[in-house]
Amino acid sequence: MFDSKDMMCDKADYYSNETIDTFREQYKAQYKYMQYSNLTNGLRDGLSYFYIGFKALTGAITLGDFTMCVSSASTLYWGLYSIVDNIAATVKACGYAYEYLKFDAISDRMTKGDKPVSDGEHVIEFRNVSFKYPRSENYVLRNINITIKQGEHLSVVGLNGAGKTTFIKLLCRMYDVTDGEILIDNINIKDYSDSEYRKLFSVVFQDFEL
């Protein structure tokens, strides 16, 4: 659609590889902690059981003491294992949090105004609007001119890929127009407060989820 196959495939490959690399680094860190845990636990258990067994065989401790020592060693093992396991889980969770913070820090390139939206009836105008998606040379919409007054009922029809959904996305400022301008009450929508402007619309797209 819109000759964007190569762009979409490139983006899918990029984000897929980035996701795989992220998980690989997280599991490497977790694996390192688990290996350290298994090594230390193995050494501790081996030395503990050897010492306790040696004491029992030489008669230095009774059978009851031997049983108590083995039970204590087992309790110590699971306690230390839990600590190391929680450290590994924390490192993994921090990796997820880091990726979220990186995403949250991405700057918004869209122009944000601060003009409040006035009360009353509104008039929408598309004035010589043309649009093409990022990294695409083909226009989805070209030189669209239309005025919509409040209270009017409008149906937008066309073939798949004709730009019907794109028309609505531009109106909702999910994208900025490539050329031309969209006006509400003769004011460019870029000049309005973004949060107030979006309250004017209630949109249900074809891929909705409730």
Foldseek 3Di string as FASTA:
>chain_A
DLPCVVVVVVVVVVVVVVVVVLVVVLVVLLVVLVVVLVVVLVVQVVVQLVVLVVCPVVVVDDPVVSVVSNVVSVVVSVVSVVVSNVVSVVSSVVSVVVVVVVVVPDDDPAQFAAAADDDDWKKKWFAQFWADDPPRPGILDGGDTDMDTPPDDDDDDDDVSNCPVVVVCCQLPVDDTPDGAMDMRNHGPSNHGNVNSNVVDDDADPPHDD
